[in-house]
Amino acid sequence: MKSKTTTAWLAFLGGPLGLHRFYLRGLGDWLGWLLPIPTALGLYGVERVRMYGVDDGWSWVLIPLLGFTIAGCALTAIVYGLMTPEKWNARYNAGAALDAEPGRTSWATIGAVVLALFFGSTILMASIVFSFQRYFEHQVEEGRKISQ
């Protein structure tokens, strides 16, 4: 029996590593194995900022990958947490009663949804702002080079 609460927390806390997918579908889930790739690339972008500064072109391409992956996993946690017990049990607990306990929403599930909404939206907006800021600063710099 797969718990909706456990899945929502795994998607929120360990989603960028694919933990929620491994919990639901097992270690053979190929998408679960692909999720750490953009996470690792984003972390590499953060490391490039530490090494080369914020003017590094690759960092402003790589860092949003981390942000978008975290935001996507937070959205996944919200979707799992708000899924009805009937739909959850029909999809992930085949053979169980539609109103079985693992598919029910508890306060812990709501806590995962609220935190995922807060942190996911914050990280998504920060990633978008970072990307656009670096892009437009690059455009201004290139415009100055052309005008001189």
N, C-alpha and C. Protein backbone atom coordinates (compact mmCIF):
# COMPACT_ATOMS: atom_id res chain seq x y z
N MET A 1 0.84 -1.19 0.00
CA MET A 1 0.00 0.00 0.00
C MET A 1 0.88 1.25 0.00
N LYS A 2 0.63 2.12 -0.93
CA LYS A 2 1.40 3.35 -1.07
C LYS A 2 0.65 4.50 -0.39
N SER A 3 1.32 5.17 0.51
CA SER A 3 0.72 6.25 1.28
C SER A 3 0.81 7.57 0.52
N LYS A 4 -0.31 8.28 0.45
CA LYS A 4 -0.33 9.58 -0.21
C LYS A 4 0.50 10.59 0.57
N THR A 5 0.45 10.54 1.88
CA THR A 5 1.22 11.46 2.72
C THR A 5 2.72 11.26 2.52
N THR A 6 3.15 10.02 2.56
CA THR A 6 4.58 9.71 2.36
C THR A 6 5.03 10.17 0.98
N THR A 7 4.23 9.93 -0.02
CA THR A 7 4.59 10.32 -1.39
C THR A 7 4.68 11.83 -1.52
N ALA A 8 3.75 12.56 -0.91
CA ALA A 8 3.79 14.02 -0.99
C ALA A 8 5.05 14.56 -0.32
N TRP A 9 5.42 14.01 0.83
CA TRP A 9 6.64 14.46 1.50
C TRP A 9 7.89 14.07 0.72
N LEU A 10 7.89 12.89 0.15
CA LEU A 10 9.05 12.48 -0.65
C LEU A 10 9.20 13.35 -1.90
N ALA A 11 8.07 13.71 -2.52
CA ALA A 11 8.14 14.58 -3.69
C ALA A 11 8.63 15.97 -3.31
N PHE A 12 8.23 16.46 -2.14
CA PHE A 12 8.65 17.78 -1.71
C PHE A 12 10.12 17.80 -1.27
N LEU A 13 10.51 16.85 -0.43
CA LEU A 13 11.85 16.87 0.14
C LEU A 13 12.90 16.18 -0.74
N GLY A 14 12.53 15.08 -1.37
CA GLY A 14 13.50 14.31 -2.15
C GLY A 14 13.15 14.20 -3.61
N GLY A 15 12.24 15.04 -4.07
CA GLY A 15 11.81 14.99 -5.46
C GLY A 15 12.92 15.18 -6.47
N PRO A 16 13.82 16.16 -6.27
CA PRO A 16 14.90 16.34 -7.25
C PRO A 16 15.83 15.14 -7.36
N LEU A 17 15.76 14.22 -6.43
CA LEU A 17 16.54 12.98 -6.52
C LEU A 17 15.69 11.81 -7.01
N GLY A 18 14.41 12.05 -7.25
CA GLY A 18 13.52 11.02 -7.76
C GLY A 18 12.97 10.07 -6.70
N LEU A 19 13.07 10.43 -5.43
CA LEU A 19 12.66 9.50 -4.37
C LEU A 19 11.18 9.14 -4.43
N HIS A 20 10.33 10.10 -4.77
CA HIS A 20 8.90 9.81 -4.83
C HIS A 20 8.58 8.84 -5.97
N ARG A 21 9.30 8.94 -7.06
CA ARG A 21 9.07 8.02 -8.18
C ARG A 21 9.53 6.62 -7.84
N PHE A 22 10.66 6.51 -7.13
CA PHE A 22 11.13 5.19 -6.71
C PHE A 22 10.17 4.58 -5.69
N TYR A 23 9.59 5.40 -4.83
CA TYR A 23 8.62 4.90 -3.84
C TYR A 23 7.38 4.36 -4.54
N LEU A 24 6.90 5.07 -5.54
CA LEU A 24 5.66 4.65 -6.22
C LEU A 24 5.88 3.55 -7.25
N ARG A 25 6.97 3.62 -7.99
CA ARG A 25 7.14 2.72 -9.14
C ARG A 25 8.32 1.77 -9.02
N GLY A 26 9.12 1.90 -7.99
CA GLY A 26 10.26 1.02 -7.81
C GLY A 26 11.51 1.57 -8.46
N LEU A 27 12.60 0.86 -8.28
CA LEU A 27 13.90 1.32 -8.78
C LEU A 27 14.03 1.20 -10.30
N GLY A 28 13.10 0.57 -10.96
CA GLY A 28 13.14 0.43 -12.42
C GLY A 28 12.55 1.62 -13.15
N ASP A 29 12.12 2.65 -12.44
CA ASP A 29 11.52 3.82 -13.07
C ASP A 29 12.60 4.69 -13.71
N TRP A 30 12.61 4.77 -15.02
CA TRP A 30 13.67 5.49 -15.72
C TRP A 30 13.59 6.99 -15.48
N LEU A 31 12.38 7.55 -15.33
CA LEU A 31 12.27 8.98 -15.08
C LEU A 31 12.82 9.34 -13.70
N GLY A 32 12.66 8.43 -12.75
CA GLY A 32 13.25 8.65 -11.44
C GLY A 32 14.77 8.73 -11.51
N TRP A 33 15.36 7.97 -12.40
CA TRP A 33 16.82 8.02 -12.57
C TRP A 33 17.27 9.24 -13.36
N LEU A 34 16.37 9.84 -14.15
CA LEU A 34 16.73 11.04 -14.92
C LEU A 34 16.60 12.32 -14.09
N LEU A 35 15.78 12.33 -13.06
CA LEU A 35 15.58 13.54 -12.26
C LEU A 35 16.86 14.10 -11.63
N PRO A 36 17.78 13.28 -11.16
CA PRO A 36 19.00 13.87 -10.57
C PRO A 36 19.91 14.59 -11.57
N ILE A 37 19.72 14.37 -12.86
CA ILE A 37 20.60 15.01 -13.85
C ILE A 37 20.45 16.53 -13.85
N PRO A 38 19.22 17.09 -14.02
CA PRO A 38 19.13 18.55 -13.96
C PRO A 38 19.45 19.11 -12.57
N THR A 39 19.21 18.31 -11.55
CA THR A 39 19.57 18.73 -10.20
C THR A 39 21.08 18.88 -10.08
N ALA A 40 21.81 17.89 -10.56
CA ALA A 40 23.27 17.94 -10.50
C ALA A 40 23.83 19.07 -11.38
N LEU A 41 23.25 19.28 -12.56
CA LEU A 41 23.69 20.37 -13.42
C LEU A 41 23.45 21.72 -12.76
N GLY A 42 22.31 21.87 -12.09
CA GLY A 42 22.03 23.12 -11.38
C GLY A 42 22.99 23.35 -10.23
N LEU A 43 23.30 22.28 -9.51
CA LEU A 43 24.29 22.42 -8.42
C LEU A 43 25.67 22.76 -8.97
N TYR A 44 25.99 22.23 -10.14
CA TYR A 44 27.25 22.59 -10.79
C TYR A 44 27.24 24.07 -11.16
N GLY A 45 26.09 24.58 -11.60
CA GLY A 45 25.97 26.01 -11.89
C GLY A 45 26.19 26.86 -10.65
N VAL A 46 25.67 26.42 -9.52
CA VAL A 46 25.90 27.13 -8.26
C VAL A 46 27.38 27.13 -7.92
N GLU A 47 28.04 26.01 -8.12
CA GLU A 47 29.47 25.92 -7.85
C GLU A 47 30.27 26.83 -8.80
N ARG A 48 29.82 26.94 -10.05
CA ARG A 48 30.50 27.83 -11.00
C ARG A 48 30.37 29.29 -10.56
N VAL A 49 29.23 29.66 -9.98
CA VAL A 49 29.07 31.02 -9.46
C VAL A 49 30.06 31.25 -8.32
N ARG A 50 30.22 30.25 -7.48
CA ARG A 50 31.17 30.40 -6.38
C ARG A 50 32.61 30.51 -6.89
N MET A 51 32.93 29.80 -7.97
CA MET A 51 34.30 29.82 -8.49
C MET A 51 34.58 31.04 -9.37
N TYR A 52 33.64 31.38 -10.27
CA TYR A 52 33.90 32.39 -11.30
C TYR A 52 33.10 33.67 -11.12
N GLY A 53 32.19 33.72 -10.19
CA GLY A 53 31.37 34.90 -9.98
C GLY A 53 30.08 34.86 -10.77
N VAL A 54 29.23 35.86 -10.55
CA VAL A 54 27.91 35.87 -11.17
C VAL A 54 27.93 36.21 -12.65
N ASP A 55 29.06 36.62 -13.18
CA ASP A 55 29.14 36.95 -14.60
C ASP A 55 29.41 35.73 -15.47
N ASP A 56 29.52 34.57 -14.89
CA ASP A 56 29.76 33.35 -15.64
C ASP A 56 28.52 32.99 -16.46
N GLY A 57 28.69 32.87 -17.77
CA GLY A 57 27.56 32.60 -18.66
C GLY A 57 26.93 31.25 -18.45
N TRP A 58 27.74 30.24 -18.18
CA TRP A 58 27.19 28.90 -17.98
C TRP A 58 26.36 28.80 -16.71
N SER A 59 26.74 29.58 -15.70
CA SER A 59 26.01 29.49 -14.43
C SER A 59 24.58 29.98 -14.59
N TRP A 60 24.38 31.04 -15.38
CA TRP A 60 23.00 31.51 -15.50
C TRP A 60 22.17 30.64 -16.44
N VAL A 61 22.80 29.71 -17.09
CA VAL A 61 22.06 28.70 -17.85
C VAL A 61 21.76 27.48 -16.98
N LEU A 62 22.71 27.11 -16.12
CA LEU A 62 22.58 25.88 -15.33
C LEU A 62 21.76 26.04 -14.05
N ILE A 63 21.89 27.17 -13.37
CA ILE A 63 21.21 27.34 -12.08
C ILE A 63 19.69 27.22 -12.21
N PRO A 64 19.05 27.79 -13.24
CA PRO A 64 17.59 27.62 -13.33
C PRO A 64 17.15 26.16 -13.48
N LEU A 65 18.02 25.29 -13.99
CA LEU A 65 17.65 23.87 -14.05
C LEU A 65 17.35 23.33 -12.66
N LEU A 66 18.15 23.71 -11.69
CA LEU A 66 17.92 23.29 -10.31
C LEU A 66 16.61 23.87 -9.80
N GLY A 67 16.39 25.15 -10.03
CA GLY A 67 15.17 25.79 -9.56
C GLY A 67 13.92 25.21 -10.19
N PHE A 68 13.96 24.99 -11.49
CA PHE A 68 12.79 24.43 -12.17
C PHE A 68 12.53 22.99 -11.76
N THR A 69 13.58 22.23 -11.49
CA THR A 69 13.40 20.86 -11.02
C THR A 69 12.77 20.84 -9.63
N ILE A 70 13.25 21.69 -8.74
CA ILE A 70 12.67 21.77 -7.40
C ILE A 70 11.23 22.23 -7.48
N ALA A 71 10.94 23.24 -8.30
CA ALA A 71 9.58 23.74 -8.43
C ALA A 71 8.65 22.67 -9.03
N GLY A 72 9.16 21.94 -10.01
CA GLY A 72 8.35 20.87 -10.61
C GLY A 72 8.04 19.77 -9.62
N CYS A 73 9.00 19.43 -8.79
CA CYS A 73 8.76 18.40 -7.77
C CYS A 73 7.81 18.91 -6.69
N ALA A 74 7.89 20.20 -6.38
CA ALA A 74 6.93 20.77 -5.43
C ALA A 74 5.52 20.73 -6.02
N LEU A 75 5.40 21.00 -7.30
CA LEU A 75 4.09 20.89 -7.95
C LEU A 75 3.59 19.46 -7.92
N THR A 76 4.47 18.52 -8.12
CA THR A 76 4.11 17.11 -8.04
C THR A 76 3.61 16.76 -6.64
N ALA A 77 4.27 17.29 -5.61
CA ALA A 77 3.82 17.06 -4.23
C ALA A 77 2.43 17.63 -4.01
N ILE A 78 2.16 18.78 -4.59
CA ILE A 78 0.83 19.39 -4.46
C ILE A 78 -0.21 18.52 -5.15
N VAL A 79 0.10 18.07 -6.35
CA VAL A 79 -0.85 17.22 -7.10
C VAL A 79 -1.13 15.93 -6.34
N TYR A 80 -0.08 15.28 -5.83
CA TYR A 80 -0.28 14.06 -5.05
C TYR A 80 -1.08 14.33 -3.79
N GLY A 81 -0.76 15.40 -3.08
CA GLY A 81 -1.43 15.69 -1.83
C GLY A 81 -2.89 16.04 -1.99
N LEU A 82 -3.25 16.65 -3.11
CA LEU A 82 -4.64 17.05 -3.32
C LEU A 82 -5.47 16.02 -4.08
N MET A 83 -4.86 14.91 -4.45
CA MET A 83 -5.59 13.87 -5.16
C MET A 83 -6.63 13.24 -4.22
N THR A 84 -7.79 12.97 -4.75
CA THR A 84 -8.84 12.37 -3.93
C THR A 84 -8.44 10.95 -3.51
N PRO A 85 -8.91 10.51 -2.34
CA PRO A 85 -8.56 9.15 -1.90
C PRO A 85 -8.99 8.07 -2.90
N GLU A 86 -10.13 8.27 -3.53
CA GLU A 86 -10.62 7.28 -4.49
C GLU A 86 -9.67 7.17 -5.68
N LYS A 87 -9.27 8.32 -6.19
CA LYS A 87 -8.37 8.32 -7.34
C LYS A 87 -6.99 7.78 -6.95
N TRP A 88 -6.49 8.16 -5.76
CA TRP A 88 -5.19 7.69 -5.29
C TRP A 88 -5.17 6.17 -5.16
N ASN A 89 -6.16 5.64 -4.46
CA ASN A 89 -6.20 4.20 -4.23
C ASN A 89 -6.43 3.42 -5.52
N ALA A 90 -7.22 3.98 -6.43
CA ALA A 90 -7.43 3.29 -7.72
C ALA A 90 -6.14 3.25 -8.52
N ARG A 91 -5.34 4.30 -8.45
CA ARG A 91 -4.13 4.38 -9.25
C ARG A 91 -2.94 3.65 -8.61
N TYR A 92 -2.73 3.85 -7.31
CA TYR A 92 -1.51 3.36 -6.68
C TYR A 92 -1.71 2.20 -5.71
N ASN A 93 -2.94 1.93 -5.33
CA ASN A 93 -3.23 0.82 -4.43
C ASN A 93 -4.32 -0.06 -5.04
N ALA A 94 -4.02 -0.61 -6.19
CA ALA A 94 -5.00 -1.44 -6.89
C ALA A 94 -5.41 -2.61 -6.01
N GLY A 95 -6.66 -2.87 -5.98
CA GLY A 95 -7.17 -3.97 -5.17
C GLY A 95 -7.62 -3.55 -3.79
N ALA A 96 -7.25 -2.36 -3.37
CA ALA A 96 -7.68 -1.87 -2.06
C ALA A 96 -9.02 -1.16 -2.21
N ALA A 97 -9.70 -1.00 -1.09
CA ALA A 97 -10.96 -0.25 -1.11
C ALA A 97 -10.68 1.18 -1.54
N LEU A 98 -11.63 1.81 -2.21
CA LEU A 98 -11.42 3.16 -2.72
C LEU A 98 -11.21 4.17 -1.61
N ASP A 99 -11.73 3.89 -0.42
CA ASP A 99 -11.54 4.82 0.69
C ASP A 99 -10.54 4.29 1.73
N ALA A 100 -9.58 3.48 1.29
CA ALA A 100 -8.60 2.88 2.20
C ALA A 100 -7.73 3.98 2.82
N GLU A 101 -7.20 3.69 3.99
CA GLU A 101 -6.43 4.65 4.78
C GLU A 101 -5.23 5.26 4.05
N PRO A 102 -4.42 4.54 3.28
CA PRO A 102 -3.25 5.16 2.64
C PRO A 102 -3.58 6.29 1.67
N GLY A 103 -4.79 6.33 1.16
CA GLY A 103 -5.16 7.38 0.22
C GLY A 103 -5.81 8.58 0.86
N ARG A 104 -6.05 8.52 2.15
CA ARG A 104 -6.73 9.62 2.84
C ARG A 104 -5.78 10.79 3.08
N THR A 105 -6.38 11.96 3.15
CA THR A 105 -5.64 13.18 3.41
C THR A 105 -5.61 13.45 4.90
N SER A 106 -4.42 13.67 5.43
CA SER A 106 -4.27 14.00 6.85
C SER A 106 -3.64 15.38 6.99
N TRP A 107 -3.46 15.82 8.22
CA TRP A 107 -2.81 17.11 8.43
C TRP A 107 -1.37 17.08 7.95
N ALA A 108 -0.73 15.95 8.03
CA ALA A 108 0.64 15.84 7.53
C ALA A 108 0.67 16.01 6.00
N THR A 109 -0.35 15.52 5.33
CA THR A 109 -0.45 15.71 3.88
C THR A 109 -0.64 17.18 3.55
N ILE A 110 -1.53 17.83 4.29
CA ILE A 110 -1.78 19.25 4.07
C ILE A 110 -0.51 20.06 4.35
N GLY A 111 0.25 19.67 5.38
CA GLY A 111 1.52 20.35 5.67
C GLY A 111 2.48 20.25 4.50
N ALA A 112 2.57 19.08 3.90
CA ALA A 112 3.44 18.91 2.73
C ALA A 112 2.97 19.77 1.57
N VAL A 113 1.66 19.85 1.37
CA VAL A 113 1.11 20.66 0.28
C VAL A 113 1.40 22.14 0.51
N VAL A 114 1.18 22.61 1.74
CA VAL A 114 1.41 24.02 2.04
C VAL A 114 2.88 24.39 1.87
N LEU A 115 3.78 23.57 2.42
CA LEU A 115 5.21 23.86 2.29
C LEU A 115 5.67 23.77 0.83
N ALA A 116 5.14 22.80 0.10
CA ALA A 116 5.49 22.68 -1.32
C ALA A 116 5.01 23.89 -2.09
N LEU A 117 3.82 24.38 -1.78
CA LEU A 117 3.31 25.57 -2.45
C LEU A 117 4.17 26.78 -2.13
N PHE A 118 4.53 26.96 -0.87
CA PHE A 118 5.33 28.11 -0.48
C PHE A 118 6.73 28.07 -1.08
N PHE A 119 7.45 26.98 -0.85
CA PHE A 119 8.83 26.91 -1.32
C PHE A 119 8.90 26.73 -2.83
N GLY A 120 8.00 25.95 -3.40
CA GLY A 120 8.01 25.74 -4.85
C GLY A 120 7.77 27.03 -5.61
N SER A 121 6.79 27.81 -5.19
CA SER A 121 6.52 29.08 -5.90
C SER A 121 7.65 30.07 -5.69
N THR A 122 8.22 30.10 -4.49
CA THR A 122 9.34 31.01 -4.23
C THR A 122 10.54 30.65 -5.09
N ILE A 123 10.87 29.39 -5.16
CA ILE A 123 12.03 28.95 -5.95
C ILE A 123 11.78 29.14 -7.44
N LEU A 124 10.55 28.89 -7.88
CA LEU A 124 10.22 29.11 -9.29
C LEU A 124 10.39 30.58 -9.66
N MET A 125 9.86 31.49 -8.85
CA MET A 125 9.97 32.92 -9.15
C MET A 125 11.42 33.37 -9.09
N ALA A 126 12.19 32.87 -8.12
CA ALA A 126 13.60 33.24 -8.03
C ALA A 126 14.37 32.75 -9.25
N SER A 127 14.05 31.57 -9.74
CA SER A 127 14.73 31.04 -10.93
C SER A 127 14.41 31.86 -12.17
N ILE A 128 13.15 32.25 -12.30
CA ILE A 128 12.76 33.08 -13.45
C ILE A 128 13.44 34.44 -13.38
N VAL A 129 13.44 35.04 -12.20
CA VAL A 129 14.06 36.36 -12.04
C VAL A 129 15.56 36.28 -12.32
N PHE A 130 16.22 35.27 -11.78
CA PHE A 130 17.65 35.11 -12.02
C PHE A 130 17.95 34.96 -13.50
N SER A 131 17.16 34.14 -14.18
CA SER A 131 17.38 33.91 -15.62
C SER A 131 17.22 35.19 -16.42
N PHE A 132 16.12 35.89 -16.19
CA PHE A 132 15.87 37.11 -16.95
C PHE A 132 16.87 38.20 -16.62
N GLN A 133 17.23 38.33 -15.35
CA GLN A 133 18.20 39.34 -14.99
C GLN A 133 19.53 39.11 -15.69
N ARG A 134 20.02 37.88 -15.64
CA ARG A 134 21.30 37.57 -16.28
C ARG A 134 21.20 37.75 -17.80
N TYR A 135 20.07 37.35 -18.39
CA TYR A 135 19.89 37.48 -19.83
C TYR A 135 19.92 38.95 -20.25
N PHE A 136 19.16 39.79 -19.56
CA PHE A 136 19.10 41.20 -19.95
C PHE A 136 20.40 41.93 -19.65
N GLU A 137 21.10 41.58 -18.58
CA GLU A 137 22.41 42.16 -18.34
C GLU A 137 23.38 41.79 -19.45
N HIS A 138 23.28 40.55 -19.92
CA HIS A 138 24.13 40.12 -21.03
C HIS A 138 23.79 40.90 -22.30
N GLN A 139 22.51 41.12 -22.55
CA GLN A 139 22.10 41.87 -23.73
C GLN A 139 22.60 43.31 -23.68
N VAL A 140 22.52 43.94 -22.51
CA VAL A 140 23.01 45.31 -22.36
C VAL A 140 24.51 45.36 -22.60
N GLU A 141 25.23 44.39 -22.06
CA GLU A 141 26.68 44.35 -22.24
C GLU A 141 27.04 44.17 -23.72
N GLU A 142 26.34 43.29 -24.41
CA GLU A 142 26.60 43.09 -25.83
C GLU A 142 26.25 44.34 -26.64
N GLY A 143 25.18 45.04 -26.24
CA GLY A 143 24.83 46.28 -26.91
C GLY A 143 25.89 47.34 -26.74
N ARG A 144 26.48 47.41 -25.56
CA ARG A 144 27.57 48.36 -25.35
C ARG A 144 28.79 48.02 -26.20
N LYS A 145 29.08 46.74 -26.35
CA LYS A 145 30.21 46.34 -27.20
C LYS A 145 29.98 46.75 -28.64
N ILE A 146 28.75 46.60 -29.12
CA ILE A 146 28.44 46.95 -30.51
C ILE A 146 28.52 48.45 -30.71
N SER A 147 28.07 49.23 -29.73
CA SER A 147 28.03 50.69 -29.90
C SER A 147 29.40 51.34 -29.82
N GLN A 148 30.40 50.63 -29.31
CA GLN A 148 31.73 51.24 -29.19
C GLN A 148 32.59 50.93 -30.34
